C-alpha atoms as a PDB file:
ATOM      1  CA  MET A   1      -0.573  26.102  -5.504  1.00  0.00           C
ATOM      2  CA  HIS A   2      -3.421  24.408  -7.359  1.00  0.00           C
ATOM      3  CA  ALA A   3      -4.465  21.168  -5.678  1.00  0.00           C
ATOM      4  CA  GLY A   4      -4.444  19.308  -8.980  1.00  0.00           C
ATOM      5  CA  HIS A   5      -1.080  20.394 -10.347  1.00  0.00           C
ATOM      6  CA  THR A   6       1.873  19.714  -8.075  1.00  0.00           C
ATOM      7  CA  ASP A   7       5.254  19.586  -9.776  1.00  0.00           C
ATOM      8  CA  GLN A   8       5.876  16.007  -8.661  1.00  0.00           C
ATOM      9  CA  GLY A   9       2.718  14.640 -10.254  1.00  0.00           C
ATOM     10  CA  GLY A  10       1.410  13.095  -7.035  1.00  0.00           C
ATOM     11  CA  HIS A  11       4.715  11.865  -5.619  1.00  0.00           C
ATOM     12  CA  CYS A  12       4.952  14.383  -2.781  1.00  0.00           C
ATOM     13  CA  ILE A  13       3.886  14.971   0.816  1.00  0.00           C
ATOM     14  CA  ILE A  14       2.565  18.344   1.938  1.00  0.00           C
ATOM     15  CA  THR A  15       2.837  19.677   5.502  1.00  0.00           C
ATOM     16  CA  THR A  16       1.584  23.076   6.599  1.00  0.00           C
ATOM     17  CA  THR A  17       1.024  25.191   9.698  1.00  0.00           C
ATOM     18  CA  ALA A  18      -1.800  27.135   8.021  1.00  0.00           C
ATOM     19  CA  CYS A  19      -5.245  27.313   9.597  1.00  0.00           C
ATOM     20  CA  THR A  20      -8.273  25.218   8.566  1.00  0.00           C
ATOM     21  CA  THR A  21      -6.788  23.762   5.350  1.00  0.00           C
ATOM     22  CA  ASN A  22      -7.442  20.217   6.590  1.00  0.00           C
ATOM     23  CA  ALA A  23     -11.022  20.551   7.842  1.00  0.00           C
ATOM     24  CA  PHE A  24     -12.005  17.213   6.310  1.00  0.00           C
ATOM     25  CA  ASP A  25     -15.360  17.323   8.143  1.00  0.00           C
ATOM     26  CA  ASN A  26     -16.321  20.433   6.114  1.00  0.00           C
ATOM     27  CA  TYR A  27     -16.751  22.351   9.374  1.00  0.00           C
ATOM     28  CA  TYR A  28     -16.310  25.736   7.725  1.00  0.00           C
ATOM     29  CA  THR A  29     -18.183  25.129   4.478  1.00  0.00           C
ATOM     30  CA  TYR A  30     -20.989  22.712   5.308  1.00  0.00           C
ATOM     31  CA  ALA A  31     -23.646  25.343   5.978  1.00  0.00           C
ATOM     32  CA  THR A  32     -23.242  27.030   2.594  1.00  0.00           C
ATOM     33  CA  THR A  33     -21.428  24.582   0.306  1.00  0.00           C
ATOM     34  CA  PRO A  34     -21.682  21.081   1.824  1.00  0.00           C
ATOM     35  CA  ASN A  35     -20.061  19.287  -1.112  1.00  0.00           C
ATOM     36  CA  VAL A  36     -16.850  21.339  -1.160  1.00  0.00           C
ATOM     37  CA  ALA A  37     -13.862  19.397   0.196  1.00  0.00           C
ATOM     38  CA  CYS A  38     -11.078  21.017   2.191  1.00  0.00           C
ATOM     39  CA  LEU A  39      -7.707  21.702   0.581  1.00  0.00           C
ATOM     40  CA  GLY A  40      -6.090  18.620   2.155  1.00  0.00           C
ATOM     41  CA  SER A  41      -8.797  16.268   0.880  1.00  0.00           C
ATOM     42  CA  THR A  42      -8.591  17.819  -2.573  1.00  0.00           C
ATOM     43  CA  PHE A  43      -4.852  17.199  -2.781  1.00  0.00           C
ATOM     44  CA  ILE A  44      -5.297  13.565  -1.733  1.00  0.00           C
ATOM     45  CA  LYS A  45      -8.174  12.807  -4.105  1.00  0.00           C
ATOM     46  CA  ASN A  46      -6.594  14.378  -7.166  1.00  0.00           C
ATOM     47  CA  PRO A  47      -4.364  11.991  -9.216  1.00  0.00           C
ATOM     48  CA  LYS A  48      -1.834  14.814  -9.636  1.00  0.00           C
ATOM     49  CA  GLY A  49      -2.201  16.067  -6.090  1.00  0.00           C
ATOM     50  CA  ALA A  50      -0.251  14.541  -3.205  1.00  0.00           C
ATOM     51  CA  LEU A  51       0.345  11.213  -1.483  1.00  0.00           C
ATOM     52  CA  ALA A  52      -0.210  12.660   1.992  1.00  0.00           C
ATOM     53  CA  TYR A  53      -1.273  15.915   3.613  1.00  0.00           C
ATOM     54  CA  LEU A  54      -0.522  16.960   7.197  1.00  0.00           C
ATOM     55  CA  GLY A  55      -2.422  20.055   8.269  1.00  0.00           C
ATOM     56  CA  CYS A  56      -4.764  21.497  10.854  1.00  0.00           C
ATOM     57  CA  SER A  57      -8.522  20.973  10.732  1.00  0.00           C
ATOM     58  CA  ARG A  58      -9.045  24.093  12.834  1.00  0.00           C
ATOM     59  CA  ALA A  59      -6.938  27.156  13.632  1.00  0.00           C
ATOM     60  CA  GLY A  60      -3.159  26.862  13.710  1.00  0.00           C
ATOM     61  CA  LEU A  61      -1.292  28.667  16.500  1.00  0.00           C
ATOM     62  CA  PHE A  62       1.906  30.679  16.779  1.00  0.00           C
ATOM     63  CA  SER A  63       3.589  32.164  19.847  1.00  0.00           C
ATOM     64  CA  GLN A  64       2.673  35.796  20.459  1.00  0.00           C
ATOM     65  CA  ALA A  65       5.895  36.371  22.363  1.00  0.00           C
ATOM     66  CA  GLU A  66       7.839  35.211  19.312  1.00  0.00           C
ATOM     67  CA  SER A  67       5.742  36.945  16.667  1.00  0.00           C
ATOM     68  CA  ASN A  68       8.875  38.612  15.285  1.00  0.00           C
ATOM     69  CA  ARG A  69      10.144  35.146  14.378  1.00  0.00           C
ATOM     70  CA  PRO A  70       8.044  33.769  11.524  1.00  0.00           C
ATOM     71  CA  LEU A  71       9.070  30.126  12.065  1.00  0.00           C
ATOM     72  CA  SER A  72       8.059  29.771  15.687  1.00  0.00           C
ATOM     73  CA  GLY A  73       5.142  28.740  17.832  1.00  0.00           C
ATOM     74  CA  VAL A  74       3.005  25.726  18.620  1.00  0.00           C
ATOM     75  CA  SER A  75       2.067  24.661  15.088  1.00  0.00           C
ATOM     76  CA  PHE A  76       5.610  25.054  13.826  1.00  0.00           C
ATOM     77  CA  ASN A  77       7.006  23.009  16.737  1.00  0.00           C
ATOM     78  CA  TYR A  78       4.856  20.031  15.739  1.00  0.00           C
ATOM     79  CA  GLU A  79       5.979  20.370  12.140  1.00  0.00           C
ATOM     80  CA  LYS A  80       9.598  20.691  13.252  1.00  0.00           C
ATOM     81  CA  SER A  81       9.305  17.430  15.207  1.00  0.00           C
ATOM     82  CA  PHE A  82       7.772  15.696  12.189  1.00  0.00           C
ATOM     83  CA  TYR A  83      10.860  16.454  10.076  1.00  0.00           C
ATOM     84  CA  LYS A  84      13.210  15.719  12.966  1.00  0.00           C
ATOM     85  CA  TYR A  85      11.942  12.135  13.167  1.00  0.00           C
ATOM     86  CA  LEU A  86      11.731  11.818   9.399  1.00  0.00           C
ATOM     87  CA  PHE A  87      15.311  12.842   8.616  1.00  0.00           C
ATOM     88  CA  ALA A  88      17.425  13.196  11.775  1.00  0.00           C
ATOM     89  CA  ASP A  89      16.397  10.264  13.979  1.00  0.00           C
ATOM     90  CA  SER A  90      18.331   7.212  12.797  1.00  0.00           C
ATOM     91  CA  THR A  91      16.761   4.959  15.463  1.00  0.00           C
ATOM     92  CA  ILE A  92      13.500   4.788  13.497  1.00  0.00           C
ATOM     93  CA  VAL A  93      14.030   2.052  10.918  1.00  0.00           C
ATOM     94  CA  ASP A  94      10.674   2.274   9.129  1.00  0.00           C
ATOM     95  CA  LYS A  95       9.667   5.860   8.385  1.00  0.00           C
ATOM     96  CA  ASN A  96       5.973   5.067   8.083  1.00  0.00           C
ATOM     97  CA  TYR A  97       3.717   8.090   7.806  1.00  0.00           C
ATOM     98  CA  ALA A  98       1.561   7.393  10.876  1.00  0.00           C
ATOM     99  CA  HIS A  99       4.605   6.461  12.975  1.00  0.00           C
ATOM    100  CA  ILE A 100       6.345   9.758  12.232  1.00  0.00           C
ATOM    101  CA  VAL A 101       3.184  11.780  12.969  1.00  0.00           C
ATOM    102  CA  ALA A 102       2.636   9.919  16.251  1.00  0.00           C
ATOM    103  CA  LYS A 103       6.228  10.511  17.351  1.00  0.00           C
ATOM    104  CA  ALA A 104       5.952  14.220  16.531  1.00  0.00           C
ATOM    105  CA  LYS A 105       2.764  14.573  18.584  1.00  0.00           C
ATOM    106  CA  ALA A 106       4.236  12.623  21.504  1.00  0.00           C
ATOM    107  CA  ASP A 107       7.018  15.198  21.837  1.00  0.00           C
ATOM    108  CA  TYR A 108       4.566  17.686  23.349  1.00  0.00           C
ATOM    109  CA  ILE A 109       2.397  15.511  25.564  1.00  0.00           C
ATOM    110  CA  HIS A 110       4.090  17.024  28.623  1.00  0.00           C
ATOM    111  CA  LEU A 111       2.892  20.483  27.541  1.00  0.00           C
ATOM    112  CA  SER A 112      -0.699  19.411  26.911  1.00  0.00           C
ATOM    113  CA  ASN A 113      -1.812  19.468  30.553  1.00  0.00           C
ATOM    114  CA  PHE A 114      -1.559  23.215  31.052  1.00  0.00           C
ATOM    115  CA  GLU A 115      -4.529  25.604  30.712  1.00  0.00           C
ATOM    116  CA  PRO A 116      -5.053  27.085  28.279  1.00  0.00           C
ATOM    117  CA  SER A 117      -3.418  24.165  26.494  1.00  0.00           C
ATOM    118  CA  TYR A 118      -2.409  25.378  23.040  1.00  0.00           C
ATOM    119  CA  TYR A 119      -0.378  22.227  22.482  1.00  0.00           C
ATOM    120  CA  ARG A 120      -3.392  20.031  23.185  1.00  0.00           C
ATOM    121  CA  TRP A 121      -5.462  22.099  20.723  1.00  0.00           C
ATOM    122  CA  ILE A 122      -2.978  21.459  17.919  1.00  0.00           C
ATOM    123  CA  GLN A 123      -2.472  17.854  19.006  1.00  0.00           C
ATOM    124  CA  TYR A 124      -6.161  17.197  18.270  1.00  0.00           C
ATOM    125  CA  GLY A 125      -6.474  19.524  15.299  1.00  0.00           C
ATOM    126  CA  LEU A 126      -3.367  18.399  13.392  1.00  0.00           C
ATOM    127  CA  ASN A 127      -4.546  15.493  11.249  1.00  0.00           C
ATOM    128  CA  PRO A 128      -2.710  13.312   8.721  1.00  0.00           C
ATOM    129  CA  LEU A 129      -4.536  12.419   5.503  1.00  0.00           C
ATOM    130  CA  GLY A 130      -3.124   9.534   3.470  1.00  0.00           C
ATOM    131  CA  ASP A 131      -2.116   5.905   3.894  1.00  0.00           C
ATOM    132  CA  PRO A 132      -0.895   5.514   7.517  1.00  0.00           C
ATOM    133  CA  GLU A 133       1.410   2.597   6.633  1.00  0.00           C
ATOM    134  CA  MET A 134       3.034   4.395   3.700  1.00  0.00           C
ATOM    135  CA  PRO A 135       6.846   4.431   4.017  1.00  0.00           C
ATOM    136  CA  ILE A 136       8.189   7.898   3.303  1.00  0.00           C
ATOM    137  CA  PHE A 137      11.262   8.011   1.075  1.00  0.00           C
ATOM    138  CA  THR A 138      14.068  10.091   2.611  1.00  0.00           C
ATOM    139  CA  SER A 139      16.420   9.543  -0.331  1.00  0.00           C
ATOM    140  CA  SER A 140      16.156   8.390  -3.942  1.00  0.00           C
ATOM    141  CA  PRO A 141      14.492   4.968  -3.638  1.00  0.00           C
ATOM    142  CA  LEU A 142      16.192   1.738  -4.649  1.00  0.00           C
ATOM    143  CA  THR A 143      14.507  -1.274  -6.277  1.00  0.00           C
ATOM    144  CA  PHE A 144      14.174  -5.019  -5.658  1.00  0.00           C
ATOM    145  CA  ASN A 145      15.209  -5.875  -9.213  1.00  0.00           C
ATOM    146  CA  SER A 146      16.705  -9.257  -8.307  1.00  0.00           C
ATOM    147  CA  ALA A 147      13.874 -10.505  -6.058  1.00  0.00           C
ATOM    148  CA  THR A 148      12.631 -14.025  -6.905  1.00  0.00           C
ATOM    149  CA  PHE A 149      10.217 -16.675  -5.639  1.00  0.00           C
ATOM    150  CA  GLN A 150      10.031 -20.475  -5.943  1.00  0.00           C
ATOM    151  CA  ILE A 151       7.229 -22.999  -5.458  1.00  0.00           C
ATOM    152  CA  VAL A 152       8.081 -26.335  -3.802  1.00  0.00           C
ATOM    153  CA  ASN A 153       5.257 -28.901  -3.818  1.00  0.00           C
ATOM    154  CA  ASP A 154       5.694 -31.537  -1.114  1.00  0.00           C
ATOM    155  CA  THR A 155       3.269 -34.250  -0.074  1.00  0.00           C
ATOM    156  CA  ASN A 156       0.151 -32.606   1.404  1.00  0.00           C
ATOM    157  CA  CYS A 157       2.057 -29.332   1.639  1.00  0.00           C
ATOM    158  CA  ILE A 158       3.331 -26.537  -0.519  1.00  0.00           C
ATOM    159  CA  ARG A 159       6.148 -24.113   0.303  1.00  0.00           C
ATOM    160  CA  LEU A 160       6.608 -20.695  -1.234  1.00  0.00           C
ATOM    161  CA  ASN A 161      10.213 -19.486  -0.939  1.00  0.00           C
ATOM    162  CA  VAL A 162      10.852 -15.761  -1.446  1.00  0.00           C
ATOM    163  CA  ASN A 163      14.309 -14.244  -1.888  1.00  0.00           C
ATOM    164  CA  SER A 164      14.526 -10.447  -1.862  1.00  0.00           C
ATOM    165  CA  ASN A 165      18.334 -10.414  -2.268  1.00  0.00           C
ATOM    166  CA  VAL A 166      18.345  -7.442   0.141  1.00  0.00           C
ATOM    167  CA  ASP A 167      18.974  -7.671   3.898  1.00  0.00           C
ATOM    168  CA  ASN A 168      16.494  -6.595   6.589  1.00  0.00           C
ATOM    169  CA  CYS A 169      13.302  -6.542   4.537  1.00  0.00           C
ATOM    170  CA  ARG A 170       9.671  -7.063   5.450  1.00  0.00           C
ATOM    171  CA  ILE A 171       8.165  -9.857   3.337  1.00  0.00           C
ATOM    172  CA  CYS A 172       4.420 -10.402   3.391  1.00  0.00           C
ATOM    173  CA  LEU A 173       2.175 -13.042   1.821  1.00  0.00           C
ATOM    174  CA  MET A 174      -1.575 -12.462   1.705  1.00  0.00           C
ATOM    175  CA  SER A 175      -4.663 -13.888   0.051  1.00  0.00           C
ATOM    176  CA  ALA A 176      -5.558 -11.899  -3.068  1.00  0.00           C
ATOM    177  CA  ASP A 177      -9.288 -12.644  -3.291  1.00  0.00           C
ATOM    178  CA  ASP A 178     -10.231 -11.060   0.050  1.00  0.00           C
ATOM    179  CA  ASP A 179      -7.367  -8.580   0.652  1.00  0.00           C
ATOM    180  CA  GLY A 180      -5.677 -10.707   3.297  1.00  0.00           C
ATOM    181  CA  ALA A 181      -8.749 -11.584   5.374  1.00  0.00           C
ATOM    182  CA  SER A 182      -8.232 -15.358   5.158  1.00  0.00           C
ATOM    183  CA  TYR A 183      -4.416 -15.484   4.895  1.00  0.00           C
ATOM    184  CA  TYR A 184      -1.928 -12.865   6.091  1.00  0.00           C
ATOM    185  CA  ASN A 185       1.638 -13.653   7.120  1.00  0.00           C
ATOM    186  CA  VAL A 186       4.499 -11.163   7.591  1.00  0.00           C
ATOM    187  CA  GLN A 187       8.155 -11.851   8.316  1.00  0.00           C
ATOM    188  CA  TYR A 188      10.331  -8.976   9.508  1.00  0.00           C
ATOM    189  CA  ASN A 189      14.012  -8.107   9.090  1.00  0.00           C
ATOM    190  CA  VAL A 190      14.666 -10.947   6.665  1.00  0.00           C
ATOM    191  CA  LYS A 191      16.319 -11.455   3.312  1.00  0.00           C
ATOM    192  CA  ASN A 192      14.537 -14.753   2.579  1.00  0.00           C
ATOM    193  CA  ALA A 193      11.151 -16.008   3.723  1.00  0.00           C
ATOM    194  CA  THR A 194       9.290 -19.297   3.450  1.00  0.00           C
ATOM    195  CA  PHE A 195       5.500 -19.542   3.620  1.00  0.00           C
ATOM    196  CA  THR A 196       3.622 -22.819   3.985  1.00  0.00           C
ATOM    197  CA  ASN A 197       0.356 -23.672   2.219  1.00  0.00           C
ATOM    198  CA  PRO A 198      -0.362 -20.353   0.489  1.00  0.00           C
ATOM    199  CA  PRO A 199      -3.909 -19.705  -0.774  1.00  0.00           C
ATOM    200  CA  LYS A 200      -4.747 -20.436  -4.395  1.00  0.00           C
ATOM    201  CA  ASN A 201      -4.560 -16.731  -5.303  1.00  0.00           C
ATOM    202  CA  CYS A 202      -1.917 -14.856  -3.358  1.00  0.00           C
ATOM    203  CA  ILE A 203       0.236 -11.727  -3.394  1.00  0.00           C
ATOM    204  CA  ILE A 204       3.830 -11.380  -2.227  1.00  0.00           C
ATOM    205  CA  CYS A 205       4.903  -7.907  -1.120  1.00  0.00           C
ATOM    206  CA  ILE A 206       8.508  -6.973  -0.256  1.00  0.00           C
ATOM    207  CA  THR A 207       9.178  -3.652   1.460  1.00  0.00           C
ATOM    208  CA  LYS A 208      12.057  -1.797   3.073  1.00  0.00           C
ATOM    209  CA  GLN A 209      12.735   1.809   3.951  1.00  0.00           C
ATOM    210  CA  ASN A 210      13.824   3.779   0.862  1.00  0.00           C
ATOM    211  CA  TYR A 211      12.981   0.922  -1.497  1.00  0.00           C
ATOM    212  CA  ILE A 212      10.133   0.889  -4.008  1.00  0.00           C
ATOM    213  CA  PRO A 213       7.839  -1.956  -2.863  1.00  0.00           C
ATOM    214  CA  LYS A 214       7.990  -5.122  -4.959  1.00  0.00           C
ATOM    215  CA  GLN A 215       4.877  -7.194  -5.557  1.00  0.00           C
ATOM    216  CA  PHE A 216       4.274 -10.604  -7.133  1.00  0.00           C
ATOM    217  CA  LYS A 217       0.894 -12.186  -7.776  1.00  0.00           C
ATOM    218  CA  ILE A 218       0.589 -15.976  -8.008  1.00  0.00           C
ATOM    219  CA  ILE A 219      -2.473 -17.956  -9.138  1.00  0.00           C
ATOM    220  CA  PHE A 220      -3.016 -21.709  -8.745  1.00  0.00           C
ATOM    221  CA  LEU A 221      -5.736 -23.073 -11.053  1.00  0.00           C
ATOM    222  CA  GLN A 222      -6.870 -26.452  -9.748  1.00  0.00           C
ATOM    223  CA  ASN A 223     -10.142 -28.339  -9.311  1.00  0.00           C
ATOM    224  CA  GLU A 224     -12.363 -25.771 -11.065  1.00  0.00           C
ATOM    225  CA  GLU A 225     -14.178 -24.841 -14.258  1.00  0.00           C
ATOM    226  CA  ILE A 226     -13.305 -21.615 -16.068  1.00  0.00           C
ATOM    227  CA  ASN A 227     -15.932 -20.233 -18.414  1.00  0.00           C
ATOM    228  CA  GLY A 228     -14.794 -18.000 -21.249  1.00  0.00           C
ATOM    229  CA  ILE A 229     -16.716 -15.016 -22.593  1.00  0.00           C
ATOM    230  CA  ASN A 230     -17.996 -14.592 -26.139  1.00  0.00           C
ATOM    231  CA  THR A 231     -16.466 -11.253 -27.094  1.00  0.00           C
ATOM    232  CA  SER A 232     -13.956  -9.813 -29.538  1.00  0.00           C
ATOM    233  CA  GLU A 233     -11.906  -8.245 -26.741  1.00  0.00           C
ATOM    234  CA  ILE A 234      -8.686 -10.181 -26.243  1.00  0.00           C
ATOM    235  CA  THR A 235      -8.625  -9.338 -22.542  1.00  0.00           C
ATOM    236  CA  SER A 236     -12.041 -10.861 -21.843  1.00  0.00           C
ATOM    237  CA  ASN A 237     -12.038 -13.238 -18.862  1.00  0.00           C
ATOM    238  CA  LYS A 238      -8.414 -12.212 -18.289  1.00  0.00           C
ATOM    239  CA  ILE A 239      -6.517 -14.162 -15.634  1.00  0.00           C
ATOM    240  CA  ALA A 240      -3.432 -12.058 -14.920  1.00  0.00           C
ATOM    241  CA  ALA A 241      -0.535 -12.799 -12.583  1.00  0.00           C
ATOM    242  CA  ASP A 242       3.253 -12.939 -12.421  1.00  0.00           C
ATOM    243  CA  ALA A 243       2.988 -16.730 -12.365  1.00  0.00           C
ATOM    244  CA  ILE A 244       0.088 -19.084 -13.133  1.00  0.00           C
ATOM    245  CA  PHE A 245       0.215 -22.788 -12.209  1.00  0.00           C
ATOM    246  CA  ILE A 246      -2.459 -24.971 -13.861  1.00  0.00           C
ATOM    247  CA  GLY A 247      -3.208 -28.660 -13.237  1.00  0.00           C
ATOM    248  CA  ASN A 248      -4.996 -31.163 -11.021  1.00  0.00           C
ATOM    249  CA  SER A 249      -2.307 -31.107  -8.290  1.00  0.00           C
ATOM    250  CA  VAL A 250      -0.277 -27.885  -8.608  1.00  0.00           C
ATOM    251  CA  ASN A 251      -1.108 -26.991  -5.004  1.00  0.00           C
ATOM    252  CA  ASN A 252      -1.048 -29.962  -2.655  1.00  0.00           C
ATOM    253  CA  ALA A 253      -2.643 -27.908   0.100  1.00  0.00           C
ATOM    254  CA  GLN A 254      -5.867 -27.631  -1.946  1.00  0.00           C
ATOM    255  CA  PRO A 255      -8.323 -30.351  -3.095  1.00  0.00           C
ATOM    256  CA  THR A 256      -7.078 -32.077  -6.263  1.00  0.00           C
ATOM    257  CA  GLY A 257      -9.072 -31.981  -9.484  1.00  0.00           C
ATOM    258  CA  ASN A 258      -8.928 -31.107 -13.161  1.00  0.00           C
ATOM    259  CA  VAL A 259      -9.072 -27.601 -14.599  1.00  0.00           C
ATOM    260  CA  THR A 260     -11.654 -27.337 -17.376  1.00  0.00           C
ATOM    261  CA  PHE A 261     -11.829 -24.375 -19.747  1.00  0.00           C
ATOM    262  CA  LYS A 262     -15.292 -23.836 -21.201  1.00  0.00           C
ATOM    263  CA  GLY A 263     -16.952 -21.186 -23.294  1.00  0.00           C
ATOM    264  CA  VAL A 264     -15.464 -19.145 -26.098  1.00  0.00           C
ATOM    265  CA  ARG A 265     -12.404 -17.293 -24.856  1.00  0.00           C
ATOM    266  CA  SER A 266     -10.112 -17.153 -21.820  1.00  0.00           C
ATOM    267  CA  HIS A 267      -6.861 -15.232 -21.651  1.00  0.00           C
ATOM    268  CA  LEU A 268      -3.974 -16.254 -19.386  1.00  0.00           C
ATOM    269  CA  TYR A 269      -1.994 -13.045 -19.058  1.00  0.00           C
ATOM    270  CA  SER A 270       1.458 -13.918 -17.695  1.00  0.00           C
ATOM    271  CA  ASP A 271       5.068 -14.473 -18.715  1.00  0.00           C
ATOM    272  CA  ASP A 272       5.347 -17.530 -16.449  1.00  0.00           C
ATOM    273  CA  ILE A 273       2.691 -20.201 -17.029  1.00  0.00           C
ATOM    274  CA  LEU A 274       3.125 -23.848 -16.011  1.00  0.00           C
ATOM    275  CA  PHE A 275       0.759 -26.525 -17.352  1.00  0.00           C
ATOM    276  CA  GLU A 276       0.718 -29.887 -15.587  1.00  0.00           C
ATOM    277  CA  THR A 277      -1.551 -32.916 -15.966  1.00  0.00           C
ATOM    278  CA  GLY A 278      -5.278 -32.421 -15.549  1.00  0.00           C
ATOM    279  CA  VAL A 279      -5.997 -29.528 -17.961  1.00  0.00           C
ATOM    280  CA  ILE A 280      -9.052 -29.909 -20.215  1.00  0.00           C
ATOM    281  CA  ILE A 281      -9.888 -27.464 -23.010  1.00  0.00           C
ATOM    282  CA  GLU A 282     -13.339 -28.202 -24.388  1.00  0.00           C
ATOM    283  CA  ASP A 283     -14.262 -27.827 -28.059  1.00  0.00           C
ATOM    284  CA  ASP A 284     -16.127 -24.556 -27.516  1.00  0.00           C
ATOM    285  CA  ALA A 285     -13.224 -22.960 -25.616  1.00  0.00           C
ATOM    286  CA  GLN A 286     -10.442 -20.739 -26.889  1.00  0.00           C
ATOM    287  CA  LEU A 287      -7.379 -20.276 -24.734  1.00  0.00           C
ATOM    288  CA  ILE A 288      -5.029 -17.319 -25.271  1.00  0.00           C
ATOM    289  CA  ILE A 289      -1.672 -17.647 -23.512  1.00  0.00           C
ATOM    290  CA  GLY A 290       0.863 -14.951 -22.640  1.00  0.00           C
ATOM    291  CA  LYS A 291       1.046 -11.193 -22.782  1.00  0.00           C
END
């Protein structure tokens, strides 16, 4: 199989018991071809490759006593446990990639103390490439088509109400400007969630096993100057979000102040834009609204 041309166009996970295909440290090629990535890395990096790759960075092992049985041995037992927890174990609610790999490896801890320890060898050599938090679909995924959010502005406080319309979800709100470093709040096993005093640029993410994640981006424009760019491109200085709130007090948790558009062109790229008092568009500014 060519690493750049899987049938699923990137929407697949590859597991293998083969030797050395996941030597991401270039252990076998560094001396002669240091810039050549292993097969696992190539699948992950290619847009048409794979979402995740589980394979051994060194030699895989089979059982000599069972050599007449092609699907047997140490490497295959780890792979067998991976699929057992992925499909057969109903006690695992969230089939996250790293969680399933960890459970599969834990199955053979009791066999890793013997010498020579073949199970310990594979336990160290079997490495997962890909997003560790990625939920693995075990059936055709559903969607959060009816998910909604609402902004409630109270005195000195703002509440963001999220309704997924699906039971037992994980709903997260995070700051968009710094990838959650300054604001990160998760509520588990909920249908609705309320967050207090969200940051001025924030992202809502709703997830559940076997559902395609749903994301909303919200921007509050308040107490700042926005300078347009002199260009013929309509997307110049693009401010894009699912909802944009503009005014001198659209977010009571932030300092109040007018929003002033300056320069030649700014583009508000959203289907949901709310203008309140305190918006100034100067003579040299051009404001393009909507998609």
